[in-house]
Amino acid sequence: MLGALIILVTLFVVLPVSFIITGGVLSVVLGHSLRMEGEYRHEGSELIETNV
């Protein structure tokens, strides 16, 4: 019975939380790298200063 409870807690608590945290970290990394690439590719453009 204890083994089934551990499996259920893992399935319904640990895995969803870890997926949400992993997705957040990947979003930050992807967003940062895309922003840096955009600034690098369009260096010197007058439109960069209008971004907030």
N, C-alpha and C. Protein backbone atom coordinates (compact mmCIF):
# COMPACT_ATOMS: atom_id res chain seq x y z
N MET A 1 0.81 -1.19 0.00
CA MET A 1 0.00 0.00 0.00
C MET A 1 0.86 1.26 0.00
N LEU A 2 1.95 1.21 0.73
CA LEU A 2 2.84 2.37 0.80
C LEU A 2 3.48 2.65 -0.56
N GLY A 3 3.82 1.61 -1.28
CA GLY A 3 4.43 1.77 -2.61
C GLY A 3 3.48 2.45 -3.58
N ALA A 4 2.19 2.07 -3.52
CA ALA A 4 1.20 2.69 -4.40
C ALA A 4 1.02 4.16 -4.05
N LEU A 5 1.06 4.49 -2.77
CA LEU A 5 0.92 5.88 -2.34
C LEU A 5 2.11 6.71 -2.82
N ILE A 6 3.29 6.17 -2.73
CA ILE A 6 4.49 6.88 -3.21
C ILE A 6 4.40 7.12 -4.71
N ILE A 7 3.95 6.14 -5.46
CA ILE A 7 3.81 6.29 -6.91
C ILE A 7 2.77 7.36 -7.24
N LEU A 8 1.66 7.37 -6.53
CA LEU A 8 0.62 8.38 -6.79
C LEU A 8 1.10 9.78 -6.46
N VAL A 9 1.80 9.94 -5.35
CA VAL A 9 2.34 11.27 -5.00
C VAL A 9 3.33 11.72 -6.05
N THR A 10 4.15 10.81 -6.53
CA THR A 10 5.12 11.15 -7.57
C THR A 10 4.40 11.57 -8.85
N LEU A 11 3.38 10.85 -9.23
CA LEU A 11 2.67 11.15 -10.47
C LEU A 11 1.90 12.46 -10.42
N PHE A 12 1.27 12.74 -9.29
CA PHE A 12 0.36 13.88 -9.22
C PHE A 12 0.95 15.13 -8.57
N VAL A 13 2.10 15.02 -7.93
CA VAL A 13 2.70 16.19 -7.27
C VAL A 13 4.08 16.49 -7.84
N VAL A 14 4.97 15.55 -7.78
CA VAL A 14 6.37 15.80 -8.13
C VAL A 14 6.55 16.04 -9.62
N LEU A 15 5.99 15.20 -10.46
CA LEU A 15 6.19 15.34 -11.90
C LEU A 15 5.60 16.63 -12.47
N PRO A 16 4.36 17.00 -12.16
CA PRO A 16 3.85 18.27 -12.70
C PRO A 16 4.65 19.49 -12.25
N VAL A 17 5.05 19.51 -10.99
CA VAL A 17 5.85 20.63 -10.50
C VAL A 17 7.20 20.69 -11.23
N SER A 18 7.83 19.56 -11.42
CA SER A 18 9.12 19.56 -12.11
C SER A 18 8.96 19.96 -13.58
N PHE A 19 7.86 19.56 -14.22
CA PHE A 19 7.63 19.99 -15.61
C PHE A 19 7.41 21.50 -15.69
N ILE A 20 6.68 22.07 -14.75
CA ILE A 20 6.44 23.51 -14.75
C ILE A 20 7.74 24.28 -14.53
N ILE A 21 8.55 23.83 -13.60
CA ILE A 21 9.83 24.50 -13.34
C ILE A 21 10.77 24.37 -14.53
N THR A 22 10.83 23.20 -15.13
CA THR A 22 11.68 23.00 -16.30
C THR A 22 11.22 23.87 -17.46
N GLY A 23 9.92 23.97 -17.68
CA GLY A 23 9.39 24.83 -18.74
C GLY A 23 9.72 26.29 -18.50
N GLY A 24 9.64 26.72 -17.26
CA GLY A 24 9.99 28.11 -16.94
C GLY A 24 11.45 28.41 -17.20
N VAL A 25 12.31 27.50 -16.81
CA VAL A 25 13.75 27.68 -17.03
C VAL A 25 14.06 27.70 -18.53
N LEU A 26 13.47 26.79 -19.27
CA LEU A 26 13.70 26.78 -20.72
C LEU A 26 13.17 28.04 -21.39
N SER A 27 12.06 28.58 -20.91
CA SER A 27 11.51 29.82 -21.46
C SER A 27 12.46 30.99 -21.23
N VAL A 28 13.03 31.05 -20.04
CA VAL A 28 13.97 32.13 -19.73
C VAL A 28 15.21 32.02 -20.61
N VAL A 29 15.74 30.83 -20.74
CA VAL A 29 16.96 30.63 -21.55
C VAL A 29 16.68 30.96 -23.02
N LEU A 30 15.57 30.47 -23.56
CA LEU A 30 15.23 30.74 -24.95
C LEU A 30 14.97 32.22 -25.19
N GLY A 31 14.22 32.86 -24.30
CA GLY A 31 13.94 34.28 -24.44
C GLY A 31 15.19 35.12 -24.39
N HIS A 32 16.08 34.80 -23.46
CA HIS A 32 17.33 35.56 -23.35
C HIS A 32 18.20 35.39 -24.59
N SER A 33 18.33 34.15 -25.07
CA SER A 33 19.18 33.92 -26.24
C SER A 33 18.59 34.57 -27.48
N LEU A 34 17.27 34.56 -27.64
CA LEU A 34 16.66 35.21 -28.80
C LEU A 34 16.80 36.72 -28.73
N ARG A 35 16.68 37.29 -27.53
CA ARG A 35 16.86 38.74 -27.38
C ARG A 35 18.29 39.14 -27.71
N MET A 36 19.25 38.37 -27.21
CA MET A 36 20.66 38.69 -27.48
C MET A 36 20.97 38.55 -28.97
N GLU A 37 20.42 37.53 -29.62
CA GLU A 37 20.66 37.35 -31.05
C GLU A 37 20.04 38.50 -31.85
N GLY A 38 18.84 38.93 -31.46
CA GLY A 38 18.19 40.05 -32.14
C GLY A 38 18.98 41.33 -32.00
N GLU A 39 19.50 41.58 -30.80
CA GLU A 39 20.31 42.78 -30.60
C GLU A 39 21.61 42.69 -31.39
N TYR A 40 22.19 41.51 -31.48
CA TYR A 40 23.44 41.33 -32.22
C TYR A 40 23.21 41.52 -33.72
N ARG A 41 22.15 40.94 -34.25
CA ARG A 41 21.90 41.02 -35.69
C ARG A 41 21.51 42.41 -36.15
N HIS A 42 20.87 43.17 -35.27
CA HIS A 42 20.38 44.49 -35.66
C HIS A 42 21.11 45.60 -34.91
N GLU A 43 22.38 45.37 -34.66
CA GLU A 43 23.20 46.35 -33.94
C GLU A 43 23.28 47.63 -34.77
N GLY A 44 23.08 48.75 -34.13
CA GLY A 44 23.15 50.04 -34.81
C GLY A 44 21.82 50.50 -35.34
N SER A 45 20.79 49.70 -35.26
CA SER A 45 19.47 50.10 -35.75
C SER A 45 18.85 51.09 -34.79
N GLU A 46 18.18 52.10 -35.33
CA GLU A 46 17.56 53.11 -34.49
C GLU A 46 16.33 52.57 -33.77
N LEU A 47 15.81 51.42 -34.20
CA LEU A 47 14.61 50.85 -33.59
C LEU A 47 14.92 50.15 -32.25
N ILE A 48 16.20 49.79 -32.02
CA ILE A 48 16.56 49.10 -30.80
C ILE A 48 16.30 49.99 -29.58
N GLU A 49 16.54 51.29 -29.71
CA GLU A 49 16.35 52.20 -28.59
C GLU A 49 14.88 52.37 -28.22
N THR A 50 13.96 52.07 -29.14
CA THR A 50 12.55 52.24 -28.84
C THR A 50 11.98 51.08 -28.04
N ASN A 51 12.73 49.98 -27.94
CA ASN A 51 12.29 48.84 -27.12
C ASN A 51 12.40 49.17 -25.65
N VAL A 52 11.42 48.75 -24.89
CA VAL A 52 11.45 49.04 -23.45
C VAL A 52 11.70 47.76 -22.71
